[in-house]
Amino acid sequence: MDAQGRGRAEGADPADQWVLNPQTGDYELRLDGAPAPPSPPVPRQRTPQAPGPRPGGPRPGGPRDRDGEQNDERDNDGTSDGPRDTHRRRRDRPKRSRKHKALMWTGGVMGLVLVGGSAFAYYWYDRLNGNIGTVDIGDVGSATVLGDGPANILVIGNDVRTGEGNEAYGNRDNVTGHADTTLLFHVAGDRSNATVVSIPRDLMTEIPDCETRQSDGSTKTIPGSQGTTRFNESYGVEGRDPGCTMRTVEELTGLDVDHFMMFDFNAVKTLSTAVGGVEVCLEKPLKDTDGGTKLDLPAGKSTIQGEEALSFLRNRHGLKNESDLDRIGMQQKFVASMLRRLKEDTLSSPSKMLDVADAATKSLTVDQGIGSASKLLTLARELGKIDLKNITLMTLPVVDNPDEPTPVTVVPNPEKAPQVFSMLQDDVSFTEVKKQQKKAKDKQAALLNGPRAEASAVQVDVLNGGGPQGAARETVAWLQSSAGVSRSANQGNAPAKVARTRLVYAPAQADQARELADLMGLPAAALKPSAKAGGEGPMTLTLGPDFKKAGVPVATPRKVDVPQSRADEKMCKG
């Protein structure tokens, strides 16, 4: 019999089948409805005896206790008056009985609460676990929920159209879907703040090769894109799984992504309903003029849920440029409003929390590292420690795609996107968290603190992985002529672009790395120790888009000029 069925009589509540056994003081499971055994006479205390047998053996005539020894009544001085008579036994019993009954009732109530609570908790735990879908993404991501240091969680919006009412949003034939607007959730190492970066679905980027796990347990490598393609093709195209989207974001940002959480359209409808609706505010009325949905909201404040909430998030009509970027801005405000609703209203109500958890997990797919109700609860508790005012929401800085005559796609802003990535890589807060800013400075000092090699002893190969044209060649010329690094070599273009400049070195070359960092003004985050012991060959310096010119320091910015909002900012003023 399994755990769910164990102890369950037909039509009976499991909690009602646990009965107190007064003989043992324990609760016992009774499947057949049999009554508990009758309560025996209350045993009397025995006065401790000295070691050794009693003189003359046991006393005759006295009642025996459960150990088979005879009970006799003794006074406080330890002497015996002989066996207790029946009359005295009956006269003394009520006091003890009332006390015993009081303890029995208290124990019974507590037992029922504990048993009933356990059955209730088990029911929900089992139900939520059954709701959650998991994907084996192989060696990408982390096996722990949240380790020490910063963490990055990718929240993927799946645009699959399956489900009642979703036919209004496009083609329902694709049962897999693609990566719609995706959120990169960066959690600071000290959990004092978080940054949420929206990645547009129409962003042109390179999708790397990715290894996927098949249903039969085998692995299959899905080829990457030839050049750049839309970000939404990182999932669902040619069999790409969420691990492919994670790898794409890692290549784009230079960050290690620990976990993914993927929601579909139905999640928006069920979650917004479970929290009792989400408050939104509009400067002017919003109506779906194409008639695909029934969205029709007035100017000012509205509370939306279900189908109306999904229509609101999918709508582009009536927005400034009727673009995906405008829609992302509305989505961020909706997410912030829902977070406030959860923290201010839902968290105080256990019943609402269960409704939200049930609704969320029904439309949720995650990696195996967080693929259970207990692991998701651990994650939620950690994220819940962050004050809403310290959660920053922004869109990845982009510009129109210069390769399109009439741009419909975008590319990363060549100046601001690397700055955002650099701040995230160095775990620099976008909010005024003094503790976090001090930690970033301390990290820089600690990593760069140590002995330096002579410039003439530094060996380094230089590659261009996204810097200005000819950057590798010009940097080697500068190193040899102005910095005294004669053992430097130009290796041309890197095999793939990098998000930011990085210097890979063996542990034995740490002194060389520090010297080169000093000469070129490299931040601590640019130094990447290799797992290989080595140290005989040259280090590898790959110049990224944050590299401007030889001799100009490459430093992590403390802030960047991009539109931002905070999760505690109310969408509706007043």
Protein backbone atom coordinates (compact mmCIF):
# COMPACT_ATOMS: atom_id res chain seq x y z
CA MET A 1 0.00 0.00 0.00
CA ASP A 2 1.42 3.41 -0.87
CA ALA A 3 1.78 6.41 1.42
CA GLN A 4 -1.40 8.04 0.18
CA GLY A 5 -3.57 4.98 0.70
CA ARG A 6 -2.00 3.76 3.91
CA GLY A 7 -4.50 3.91 6.76
CA ARG A 8 -7.40 5.07 4.66
CA ALA A 9 -10.69 3.24 5.28
CA GLU A 10 -13.44 3.65 2.72
CA GLY A 11 -14.99 7.11 3.03
CA ALA A 12 -13.08 7.94 6.22
CA ASP A 13 -10.93 10.92 7.00
CA PRO A 14 -7.37 9.69 7.74
CA ALA A 15 -7.17 11.97 10.78
CA ASP A 16 -10.26 10.32 12.32
CA GLN A 17 -8.69 6.88 12.23
CA TRP A 18 -5.94 7.70 14.70
CA VAL A 19 -7.08 6.71 18.22
CA LEU A 20 -5.41 7.28 21.58
CA ASN A 21 -4.44 4.05 23.34
CA PRO A 22 -4.65 4.89 27.06
CA GLN A 23 -2.53 1.86 27.93
CA THR A 24 0.49 3.19 26.07
CA GLY A 25 -0.29 6.89 25.75
CA ASP A 26 0.34 6.64 21.98
CA TYR A 27 -1.91 7.17 18.99
CA GLU A 28 -2.66 4.06 16.93
CA LEU A 29 -4.08 3.70 13.45
CA ARG A 30 -7.34 1.69 13.48
CA LEU A 31 -8.52 0.75 9.99
CA ASP A 32 -11.47 -1.43 11.04
CA GLY A 33 -13.10 1.08 13.34
CA ALA A 34 -12.32 -1.10 16.38
CA PRO A 35 -12.56 0.77 19.66
CA ALA A 36 -9.54 1.49 21.75
CA PRO A 37 -8.85 -1.03 24.52
CA PRO A 38 -10.50 -0.21 27.86
CA SER A 39 -8.55 1.90 30.24
CA PRO A 40 -6.91 -0.18 33.00
CA PRO A 41 -6.69 0.95 36.61
CA VAL A 42 -4.24 3.76 36.98
CA PRO A 43 -0.92 2.27 38.11
CA ARG A 44 0.43 3.41 41.46
CA GLN A 45 3.92 4.61 42.07
CA ARG A 46 6.30 2.13 43.65
CA THR A 47 8.84 3.20 46.17
CA PRO A 48 12.32 2.31 44.89
CA GLN A 49 13.79 -0.77 46.53
CA ALA A 50 17.33 -1.45 47.38
CA PRO A 51 19.08 -3.82 44.99
CA GLY A 52 18.50 -7.50 45.58
CA PRO A 53 15.51 -9.80 46.10
CA ARG A 54 12.78 -9.03 48.59
CA PRO A 55 12.94 -10.95 51.81
CA GLY A 56 10.47 -13.75 51.74
CA GLY A 57 9.48 -13.15 48.11
CA PRO A 58 6.53 -11.13 46.90
CA ARG A 59 3.80 -10.12 49.30
CA PRO A 60 0.62 -12.10 48.84
CA GLY A 61 -2.74 -10.53 48.24
CA GLY A 62 -1.78 -7.17 46.72
CA PRO A 63 -2.63 -6.09 43.16
CA ARG A 64 0.16 -6.50 40.65
CA ASP A 65 1.43 -3.84 38.26
CA ARG A 66 2.17 -4.26 34.53
CA ASP A 67 5.65 -5.57 35.29
CA GLY A 68 4.12 -8.42 37.31
CA GLU A 69 5.29 -7.00 40.64
CA GLN A 70 2.97 -6.49 43.56
CA ASN A 71 1.82 -2.96 44.41
CA ASP A 72 1.52 -2.00 48.04
CA GLU A 73 0.74 1.37 49.55
CA ARG A 74 3.62 3.14 51.21
CA ASP A 75 3.73 6.30 53.23
CA ASN A 76 6.03 9.20 52.57
CA ASP A 77 8.62 7.73 54.93
CA GLY A 78 8.84 4.63 52.74
CA THR A 79 7.07 2.30 55.17
CA SER A 80 4.22 0.11 54.13
CA ASP A 81 0.82 -0.21 55.67
CA GLY A 82 0.21 -3.36 53.71
CA PRO A 83 -2.10 -3.90 50.78
CA ARG A 84 -4.54 -1.08 49.99
CA ASP A 85 -8.13 -2.01 50.63
CA THR A 86 -10.71 -1.80 47.86
CA HIS A 87 -12.67 0.98 49.59
CA ARG A 88 -9.63 3.24 49.83
CA ARG A 89 -8.70 2.47 46.23
CA ARG A 90 -12.13 3.59 45.03
CA ARG A 91 -12.06 6.72 47.21
CA ASP A 92 -8.63 7.90 45.92
CA ARG A 93 -9.24 7.15 42.26
CA PRO A 94 -11.44 10.13 41.18
CA LYS A 95 -8.71 12.74 41.76
CA ARG A 96 -6.21 10.83 39.69
CA SER A 97 -8.87 10.06 37.10
CA ARG A 98 -9.78 13.73 36.58
CA LYS A 99 -6.12 14.62 36.12
CA HIS A 100 -5.59 11.69 33.81
CA LYS A 101 -8.67 12.62 31.74
CA ALA A 102 -7.49 16.21 31.44
CA LEU A 103 -4.14 15.04 30.11
CA MET A 104 -5.88 12.57 27.86
CA TRP A 105 -8.16 15.24 26.33
CA THR A 106 -5.23 17.63 25.86
CA GLY A 107 -3.16 14.93 24.25
CA GLY A 108 -6.09 13.88 22.10
CA VAL A 109 -6.73 17.35 20.77
CA MET A 110 -3.04 17.93 20.07
CA GLY A 111 -2.79 14.56 18.39
CA LEU A 112 -5.74 15.26 16.12
CA VAL A 113 -4.31 18.66 15.19
CA LEU A 114 -0.92 17.17 14.39
CA VAL A 115 -2.32 14.21 12.49
CA GLY A 116 -4.87 16.34 10.66
CA GLY A 117 -2.24 18.96 9.87
CA SER A 118 0.17 16.34 8.60
CA ALA A 119 -2.46 14.81 6.36
CA PHE A 120 -3.36 18.27 5.05
CA ALA A 121 0.29 19.19 4.45
CA TYR A 122 1.00 15.88 2.77
CA TYR A 123 -2.01 16.32 0.50
CA TRP A 124 -0.82 19.72 -0.70
CA TYR A 125 2.81 18.69 -0.94
CA ASP A 126 1.85 15.72 -3.08
CA ARG A 127 -0.51 17.81 -5.17
CA LEU A 128 2.01 20.58 -5.85
CA ASN A 129 4.73 18.06 -6.70
CA GLY A 130 2.34 16.45 -9.18
CA ASN A 131 1.71 19.84 -10.80
CA ILE A 132 5.37 20.68 -11.46
CA GLY A 133 6.92 19.71 -14.78
CA THR A 134 10.69 19.23 -15.00
CA VAL A 135 13.22 19.09 -17.83
CA ASP A 136 16.63 17.45 -17.69
CA ILE A 137 18.95 20.13 -19.10
CA GLY A 138 22.18 18.21 -18.60
CA ASP A 139 25.25 20.01 -17.35
CA VAL A 140 23.93 23.55 -17.76
CA GLY A 141 22.66 25.24 -14.60
CA SER A 142 23.16 24.36 -10.94
CA ALA A 143 22.21 21.32 -8.88
CA THR A 144 21.64 23.44 -5.75
CA VAL A 145 18.65 25.70 -5.15
CA LEU A 146 20.67 28.77 -4.20
CA GLY A 147 24.34 28.42 -3.40
CA ASP A 148 26.61 31.00 -1.86
CA GLY A 149 27.07 34.17 -3.86
CA PRO A 150 24.97 35.67 -6.65
CA ALA A 151 22.35 33.62 -8.48
CA ASN A 152 20.69 34.01 -11.87
CA ILE A 153 17.26 32.59 -12.65
CA LEU A 154 15.78 32.72 -16.12
CA VAL A 155 12.00 33.15 -16.25
CA ILE A 156 10.91 32.11 -19.74
CA GLY A 157 7.56 33.16 -21.13
CA ASN A 158 6.40 30.36 -23.44
CA ASP A 159 4.06 31.64 -26.16
CA VAL A 160 2.44 28.25 -26.79
CA ARG A 161 -1.23 28.84 -27.72
CA THR A 162 -2.72 25.59 -26.45
CA GLY A 163 -5.44 25.97 -23.84
CA GLU A 164 -8.99 27.27 -23.72
CA GLY A 165 -9.35 30.81 -25.04
CA ASN A 166 -5.77 31.10 -26.30
CA GLU A 167 -6.64 30.76 -29.98
CA ALA A 168 -7.13 34.53 -30.12
CA TYR A 169 -3.40 35.07 -29.68
CA GLY A 170 -2.16 33.34 -32.82
CA ASN A 171 -1.32 29.94 -34.26
CA ARG A 172 -2.33 27.01 -32.02
CA ASP A 173 -0.62 24.40 -34.20
CA ASN A 174 2.74 24.87 -32.50
CA VAL A 175 2.35 22.74 -29.38
CA THR A 176 5.88 23.53 -28.14
CA GLY A 177 5.94 27.32 -28.39
CA HIS A 178 8.90 29.70 -28.42
CA ALA A 179 10.70 31.89 -25.92
CA ASP A 180 8.51 34.96 -25.64
CA THR A 181 9.58 37.91 -23.49
CA THR A 182 12.08 36.44 -21.02
CA LEU A 183 13.17 37.80 -17.62
CA LEU A 184 16.68 37.39 -16.25
CA PHE A 185 16.35 37.53 -12.46
CA HIS A 186 19.74 38.37 -10.89
CA VAL A 187 19.81 37.86 -7.11
CA ALA A 188 22.63 39.57 -5.21
CA GLY A 189 25.01 37.37 -3.26
CA ASP A 190 24.00 38.91 0.07
CA ARG A 191 20.28 38.80 -0.91
CA SER A 192 19.97 42.55 -0.30
CA ASN A 193 18.75 43.35 -3.81
CA ALA A 194 17.78 41.90 -7.17
CA THR A 195 17.71 43.07 -10.78
CA VAL A 196 15.17 41.89 -13.34
CA VAL A 197 16.20 42.38 -16.97
CA SER A 198 13.64 41.81 -19.73
CA ILE A 199 15.13 40.29 -22.89
CA PRO A 200 13.02 41.15 -25.98
CA ARG A 201 11.85 38.21 -28.08
CA ASP A 202 12.88 40.10 -31.25
CA LEU A 203 16.47 40.64 -30.09
CA MET A 204 18.97 39.48 -32.71
CA THR A 205 21.61 37.29 -31.07
CA GLU A 206 23.71 34.19 -31.67
CA ILE A 207 22.33 30.88 -30.42
CA PRO A 208 25.11 28.43 -29.52
CA ASP A 209 25.13 24.68 -30.09
CA CYS A 210 23.38 22.96 -27.24
CA GLU A 211 23.23 19.40 -25.98
CA THR A 212 19.72 18.18 -25.15
CA ARG A 213 18.46 15.07 -23.37
CA GLN A 214 16.06 12.88 -25.32
CA SER A 215 13.14 10.88 -23.93
CA ASP A 216 15.08 7.62 -24.28
CA GLY A 217 17.95 8.96 -22.16
CA SER A 218 20.29 9.68 -25.06
CA THR A 219 21.74 13.10 -25.85
CA LYS A 220 21.44 15.11 -29.03
CA THR A 221 23.36 18.24 -29.97
CA ILE A 222 21.20 20.88 -31.63
CA PRO A 223 23.28 23.08 -33.98
CA GLY A 224 23.40 26.75 -33.15
CA SER A 225 22.34 29.57 -35.42
CA GLN A 226 24.28 30.58 -38.52
CA GLY A 227 25.06 34.14 -37.52
CA THR A 228 22.43 36.00 -35.53
CA THR A 229 18.74 35.18 -35.27
CA ARG A 230 15.78 36.15 -33.09
CA PHE A 231 16.11 35.34 -29.44
CA ASN A 232 12.72 33.58 -29.35
CA GLU A 233 14.18 30.80 -31.52
CA SER A 234 16.41 29.74 -28.61
CA TYR A 235 13.53 27.56 -27.43
CA GLY A 236 11.20 25.29 -29.41
CA VAL A 237 12.97 25.50 -32.77
CA GLU A 238 14.63 22.29 -34.05
CA GLY A 239 14.09 20.63 -30.68
CA ARG A 240 15.80 23.27 -28.53
CA ASP A 241 14.88 22.95 -24.84
CA PRO A 242 15.04 25.56 -22.03
CA GLY A 243 18.70 24.64 -21.51
CA CYS A 244 19.38 26.09 -24.97
CA THR A 245 17.77 29.36 -23.89
CA MET A 246 19.93 29.36 -20.78
CA ARG A 247 23.08 28.85 -22.88
CA THR A 248 22.00 31.64 -25.21
CA VAL A 249 21.61 34.05 -22.29
CA GLU A 250 24.97 32.98 -20.88
CA GLU A 251 26.65 33.77 -24.23
CA LEU A 252 24.80 37.07 -24.45
CA THR A 253 25.46 38.33 -20.92
CA GLY A 254 28.60 36.54 -19.73
CA LEU A 255 26.66 35.34 -16.65
CA ASP A 256 26.21 31.79 -15.37
CA VAL A 257 22.49 30.96 -15.32
CA ASP A 258 21.60 28.66 -12.41
CA HIS A 259 17.94 27.76 -13.04
CA PHE A 260 15.02 28.32 -15.34
CA MET A 261 11.29 28.65 -14.71
CA MET A 262 8.98 28.50 -17.72
CA PHE A 263 5.36 29.68 -17.71
CA ASP A 264 2.76 29.60 -20.47
CA PHE A 265 -0.24 31.81 -21.24
CA ASN A 266 -2.47 29.89 -18.85
CA ALA A 267 -0.22 30.83 -15.92
CA VAL A 268 -1.07 34.50 -16.38
CA LYS A 269 -4.78 33.74 -16.23
CA THR A 270 -4.67 31.42 -13.23
CA LEU A 271 -2.14 33.42 -11.18
CA SER A 272 -3.87 36.76 -11.65
CA THR A 273 -7.13 35.14 -10.55
CA ALA A 274 -5.55 33.38 -7.55
CA VAL A 275 -4.24 36.66 -6.10
CA GLY A 276 -7.66 38.27 -6.50
CA GLY A 277 -6.78 40.45 -9.48
CA VAL A 278 -3.93 42.81 -10.33
CA GLU A 279 -4.31 46.58 -10.23
CA VAL A 280 -3.27 48.52 -13.36
CA CYS A 281 -3.57 52.18 -14.37
CA LEU A 282 -3.93 53.64 -17.85
CA GLU A 283 -3.46 57.20 -19.03
CA LYS A 284 -6.08 56.62 -21.72
CA PRO A 285 -8.60 53.88 -22.59
CA LEU A 286 -7.17 50.67 -24.01
CA LYS A 287 -9.19 48.62 -26.48
CA ASP A 288 -8.29 45.78 -28.83
CA THR A 289 -9.32 47.33 -32.14
CA ASP A 290 -8.50 44.17 -34.10
CA GLY A 291 -11.15 42.23 -32.22
CA GLY A 292 -8.86 39.31 -31.45
CA THR A 293 -9.68 39.67 -27.75
CA LYS A 294 -12.37 41.43 -25.76
CA LEU A 295 -9.94 43.80 -24.03
CA ASP A 296 -11.67 47.09 -23.27
CA LEU A 297 -10.26 49.02 -20.30
CA PRO A 298 -11.10 52.60 -19.31
CA ALA A 299 -8.57 55.29 -18.44
CA GLY A 300 -7.49 55.25 -14.82
CA LYS A 301 -7.51 52.39 -12.33
CA SER A 302 -8.70 48.84 -13.11
CA THR A 303 -8.30 45.45 -11.44
CA ILE A 304 -7.86 42.68 -13.99
CA GLN A 305 -7.58 38.92 -13.84
CA GLY A 306 -7.97 35.81 -15.95
CA GLU A 307 -8.53 36.27 -19.67
CA GLU A 308 -8.53 40.05 -19.31
CA ALA A 309 -5.10 39.99 -17.67
CA LEU A 310 -3.63 37.89 -20.49
CA SER A 311 -5.17 40.17 -23.11
CA PHE A 312 -3.62 43.16 -21.33
CA LEU A 313 -0.14 41.61 -21.36
CA ARG A 314 -0.36 40.53 -25.01
CA ASN A 315 -1.77 43.80 -26.30
CA ARG A 316 0.27 46.26 -28.40
CA HIS A 317 -2.54 48.43 -29.72
CA GLY A 318 -2.84 51.92 -28.30
CA LEU A 319 0.72 51.93 -26.98
CA LYS A 320 3.26 54.57 -27.98
CA ASN A 321 4.87 52.76 -30.93
CA GLU A 322 2.70 49.64 -30.77
CA SER A 323 5.95 47.69 -30.43
CA ASP A 324 7.14 44.75 -28.40
CA LEU A 325 9.33 47.11 -26.34
CA ASP A 326 6.28 49.16 -25.33
CA ARG A 327 4.51 45.97 -24.36
CA ILE A 328 7.49 44.91 -22.23
CA GLY A 329 7.18 48.15 -20.26
CA MET A 330 3.52 47.36 -19.49
CA GLN A 331 4.45 43.81 -18.53
CA GLN A 332 7.06 45.03 -16.05
CA LYS A 333 4.49 47.28 -14.35
CA PHE A 334 2.06 44.36 -14.20
CA VAL A 335 4.71 42.08 -12.64
CA ALA A 336 5.59 44.76 -10.06
CA SER A 337 1.91 45.22 -9.20
CA MET A 338 1.49 41.45 -8.76
CA LEU A 339 4.57 41.25 -6.53
CA ARG A 340 3.12 43.96 -4.29
CA ARG A 341 -0.22 42.14 -4.16
CA LEU A 342 1.52 38.94 -3.16
CA LYS A 343 3.60 40.56 -0.44
CA GLU A 344 0.96 42.88 0.99
CA ASP A 345 -2.12 40.68 0.80
CA THR A 346 -1.55 37.06 -0.18
CA LEU A 347 1.35 36.14 2.12
CA SER A 348 -0.81 36.82 5.18
CA SER A 349 -3.48 34.32 4.10
CA PRO A 350 -2.55 30.61 4.07
CA SER A 351 -5.57 29.74 1.93
CA LYS A 352 -4.61 32.34 -0.68
CA MET A 353 -1.03 31.15 -0.63
CA LEU A 354 -2.15 27.60 -1.38
CA ASP A 355 -4.34 28.85 -4.23
CA VAL A 356 -1.41 30.81 -5.67
CA ALA A 357 0.97 27.86 -5.30
CA ASP A 358 -1.53 25.53 -6.95
CA ALA A 359 -2.16 27.96 -9.81
CA ALA A 360 1.55 28.65 -10.35
CA THR A 361 2.71 25.05 -10.36
CA LYS A 362 -0.01 23.90 -12.76
CA SER A 363 1.56 25.97 -15.53
CA LEU A 364 5.18 25.71 -14.41
CA THR A 365 8.15 23.83 -15.89
CA VAL A 366 11.54 23.99 -14.17
CA ASP A 367 14.95 22.33 -14.20
CA GLN A 368 15.60 19.38 -11.91
CA GLY A 369 17.67 21.53 -9.54
CA ILE A 370 14.46 23.18 -8.28
CA GLY A 371 12.03 20.49 -9.42
CA SER A 372 10.06 19.88 -6.23
CA ALA A 373 7.65 21.75 -3.97
CA SER A 374 10.19 21.84 -1.12
CA LYS A 375 12.96 23.26 -3.33
CA LEU A 376 10.65 25.90 -4.79
CA LEU A 377 9.57 26.82 -1.25
CA THR A 378 13.23 27.25 -0.27
CA LEU A 379 13.78 29.46 -3.30
CA ALA A 380 10.65 31.51 -2.53
CA ARG A 381 11.75 32.06 1.07
CA GLU A 382 15.14 33.37 -0.03
CA LEU A 383 13.67 35.69 -2.65
CA GLY A 384 11.03 36.85 -0.19
CA LYS A 385 13.76 38.38 1.99
CA ILE A 386 14.45 41.06 -0.61
CA ASP A 387 12.70 44.38 -0.01
CA LEU A 388 10.55 45.43 -2.97
CA LYS A 389 12.27 48.81 -3.08
CA ASN A 390 15.54 47.01 -3.83
CA ILE A 391 14.19 45.07 -6.81
CA THR A 392 15.04 46.90 -10.04
CA LEU A 393 13.20 46.21 -13.30
CA MET A 394 14.60 47.22 -16.68
CA THR A 395 14.71 46.20 -20.33
CA LEU A 396 17.98 45.16 -21.90
CA PRO A 397 19.29 48.32 -23.62
CA VAL A 398 18.79 47.89 -27.37
CA VAL A 399 18.81 49.83 -30.63
CA ASP A 400 17.08 49.17 -33.95
CA ASN A 401 18.77 46.53 -36.05
CA PRO A 402 21.01 48.48 -38.47
CA ASP A 403 20.97 45.59 -40.96
CA GLU A 404 17.24 46.01 -41.69
CA PRO A 405 15.97 48.78 -44.00
CA THR A 406 12.76 48.93 -41.99
CA PRO A 407 13.79 47.59 -38.59
CA VAL A 408 11.46 45.12 -36.90
CA THR A 409 14.16 43.54 -34.74
CA VAL A 410 16.67 45.01 -32.29
CA VAL A 411 20.29 44.45 -31.26
CA PRO A 412 22.04 45.16 -27.94
CA ASN A 413 22.98 48.77 -27.42
CA PRO A 414 26.76 48.65 -28.09
CA GLU A 415 27.54 51.07 -25.24
CA LYS A 416 24.92 50.50 -22.55
CA ALA A 417 24.29 46.74 -22.79
CA PRO A 418 27.92 45.84 -21.90
CA GLN A 419 27.68 48.23 -18.92
CA VAL A 420 24.58 46.45 -17.64
CA PHE A 421 26.21 43.05 -18.12
CA SER A 422 29.37 44.26 -16.39
CA MET A 423 27.43 45.45 -13.33
CA LEU A 424 25.57 42.15 -13.10
CA GLN A 425 28.76 40.14 -13.46
CA ASP A 426 30.37 42.13 -10.66
CA ASP A 427 27.16 41.86 -8.58
CA VAL A 428 26.84 45.65 -8.41
CA SER A 429 23.46 46.82 -7.18
CA PHE A 430 21.30 49.10 -9.31
CA THR A 431 19.74 50.42 -6.10
CA GLU A 432 21.35 52.41 -3.33
CA VAL A 433 22.37 49.51 -1.12
CA LYS A 434 25.47 50.73 0.69
CA LYS A 435 26.36 47.27 1.97
CA GLN A 436 26.35 45.92 -1.57
CA GLN A 437 28.47 48.77 -2.96
CA LYS A 438 31.07 48.27 -0.22
CA LYS A 439 31.15 44.54 -0.94
CA ALA A 440 31.87 45.18 -4.64
CA LYS A 441 34.82 47.38 -3.74
CA ASP A 442 36.12 44.83 -1.25
CA LYS A 443 35.85 42.06 -3.86
CA GLN A 444 37.86 44.13 -6.34
CA ALA A 445 40.55 44.79 -3.77
CA ALA A 446 40.72 41.16 -2.58
CA LEU A 447 41.06 39.64 -6.05
CA LEU A 448 43.70 42.10 -7.17
CA ASN A 449 45.60 41.95 -3.88
CA GLY A 450 48.78 39.92 -4.23
CA PRO A 451 52.23 39.86 -5.82
CA ARG A 452 52.83 41.11 -9.35
CA ALA A 453 55.12 39.68 -12.00
CA GLU A 454 57.48 41.86 -13.98
CA ALA A 455 55.93 43.12 -17.22
CA SER A 456 58.64 41.35 -19.20
CA ALA A 457 57.53 38.02 -17.67
CA VAL A 458 53.88 38.37 -18.70
CA GLN A 459 52.85 36.00 -21.51
CA VAL A 460 49.50 36.70 -23.17
CA ASP A 461 47.63 35.95 -26.39
CA VAL A 462 45.22 38.70 -27.40
CA LEU A 463 41.98 38.04 -29.34
CA ASN A 464 39.18 40.32 -30.48
CA GLY A 465 35.83 39.03 -29.23
CA GLY A 466 33.65 42.06 -29.90
CA GLY A 467 35.89 45.07 -29.48
CA PRO A 468 36.55 47.72 -32.16
CA GLN A 469 37.95 46.52 -35.48
CA GLY A 470 41.70 45.88 -35.20
CA ALA A 471 41.57 46.03 -31.40
CA ALA A 472 43.73 42.92 -30.86
CA ARG A 473 46.46 44.13 -33.21
CA GLU A 474 46.53 47.64 -31.71
CA THR A 475 46.51 46.30 -28.14
CA VAL A 476 49.54 44.05 -28.78
CA ALA A 477 51.40 46.96 -30.33
CA TRP A 478 50.62 49.09 -27.25
CA LEU A 479 51.61 46.34 -24.81
CA GLN A 480 54.97 45.80 -26.49
CA SER A 481 55.88 49.44 -27.08
CA SER A 482 54.38 51.21 -24.04
CA ALA A 483 53.81 48.60 -21.32
CA GLY A 484 56.90 46.42 -21.66
CA VAL A 485 54.90 43.22 -22.29
CA SER A 486 57.16 41.87 -25.02
CA ARG A 487 55.77 38.33 -24.80
CA SER A 488 52.33 39.26 -26.17
CA ALA A 489 50.88 38.01 -29.47
CA ASN A 490 47.95 38.92 -31.71
CA GLN A 491 45.72 35.89 -32.35
CA GLY A 492 43.10 37.72 -34.44
CA ASN A 493 39.36 37.22 -33.93
CA ALA A 494 38.04 35.00 -31.15
CA PRO A 495 35.99 31.90 -32.11
CA ALA A 496 32.90 33.60 -30.65
CA LYS A 497 32.00 37.01 -29.29
CA VAL A 498 32.11 37.63 -25.56
CA ALA A 499 29.87 39.86 -23.51
CA ARG A 500 32.81 41.66 -21.94
CA THR A 501 36.61 41.65 -21.84
CA ARG A 502 38.06 38.70 -19.94
CA LEU A 503 41.51 37.39 -19.04
CA VAL A 504 41.77 33.60 -18.56
CA TYR A 505 44.84 32.42 -16.65
CA ALA A 506 46.11 29.36 -14.78
CA PRO A 507 46.39 29.59 -10.97
CA ALA A 508 50.18 29.65 -11.28
CA GLN A 509 49.87 32.78 -13.44
CA ALA A 510 47.95 34.88 -10.89
CA ASP A 511 50.89 37.27 -10.51
CA GLN A 512 50.99 37.80 -14.28
CA ALA A 513 47.21 38.38 -14.36
CA ARG A 514 47.40 41.05 -11.66
CA GLU A 515 50.22 42.84 -13.49
CA LEU A 516 48.31 42.85 -16.79
CA ALA A 517 45.14 44.00 -14.96
CA ASP A 518 47.09 46.94 -13.55
CA LEU A 519 48.55 47.85 -16.94
CA MET A 520 45.22 47.70 -18.79
CA GLY A 521 42.84 48.80 -16.03
CA LEU A 522 40.95 45.50 -15.97
CA PRO A 523 38.27 45.08 -13.26
CA ALA A 524 38.28 42.08 -10.94
CA ALA A 525 35.35 40.52 -12.82
CA ALA A 526 37.46 40.31 -15.98
CA LEU A 527 39.92 37.90 -14.36
CA LYS A 528 38.87 34.28 -14.87
CA PRO A 529 41.05 31.61 -13.23
CA SER A 530 41.22 28.45 -15.30
CA ALA A 531 40.52 25.03 -13.82
CA LYS A 532 43.71 23.74 -15.46
CA ALA A 533 46.85 23.88 -13.38
CA GLY A 534 49.16 24.60 -16.32
CA GLY A 535 50.96 27.91 -16.34
CA GLU A 536 53.51 27.05 -19.02
CA GLY A 537 51.74 28.67 -21.99
CA PRO A 538 50.41 32.22 -22.37
CA MET A 539 47.28 33.63 -20.75
CA THR A 540 44.33 34.47 -23.02
CA LEU A 541 42.98 38.02 -23.18
CA THR A 542 39.73 38.33 -25.16
CA LEU A 543 38.63 41.90 -25.84
CA GLY A 544 34.88 42.48 -25.58
CA PRO A 545 32.53 45.35 -26.48
CA ASP A 546 33.44 47.12 -23.22
CA PHE A 547 36.98 47.59 -24.55
CA LYS A 548 37.41 51.05 -26.07
CA LYS A 549 41.06 51.56 -26.87
CA ALA A 550 44.48 50.33 -25.82
CA GLY A 551 45.58 52.34 -22.80
CA VAL A 552 42.01 53.22 -21.78
CA PRO A 553 41.00 51.39 -18.56
CA VAL A 554 38.26 48.78 -18.71
CA ALA A 555 36.34 49.30 -15.49
CA THR A 556 32.98 48.16 -14.11
CA PRO A 557 30.58 51.12 -13.93
CA ARG A 558 28.80 51.91 -10.68
CA LYS A 559 25.65 52.96 -12.53
CA VAL A 560 24.27 53.09 -16.06
CA ASP A 561 21.83 55.49 -17.69
CA VAL A 562 18.95 53.22 -18.70
CA PRO A 563 15.21 53.44 -17.86
CA GLN A 564 14.55 51.62 -14.59
CA SER A 565 11.69 51.11 -12.17
CA ARG A 566 11.36 49.62 -8.69
CA ALA A 567 9.01 46.87 -7.62
CA ASP A 568 7.58 49.05 -4.83
CA GLU A 569 6.51 51.81 -7.23
CA LYS A 570 2.74 51.80 -7.53
CA MET A 571 1.32 51.75 -11.02
CA CYS A 572 -1.65 53.75 -9.78
CA LYS A 573 -0.70 56.95 -7.99
CA GLY A 574 -2.78 58.06 -5.03
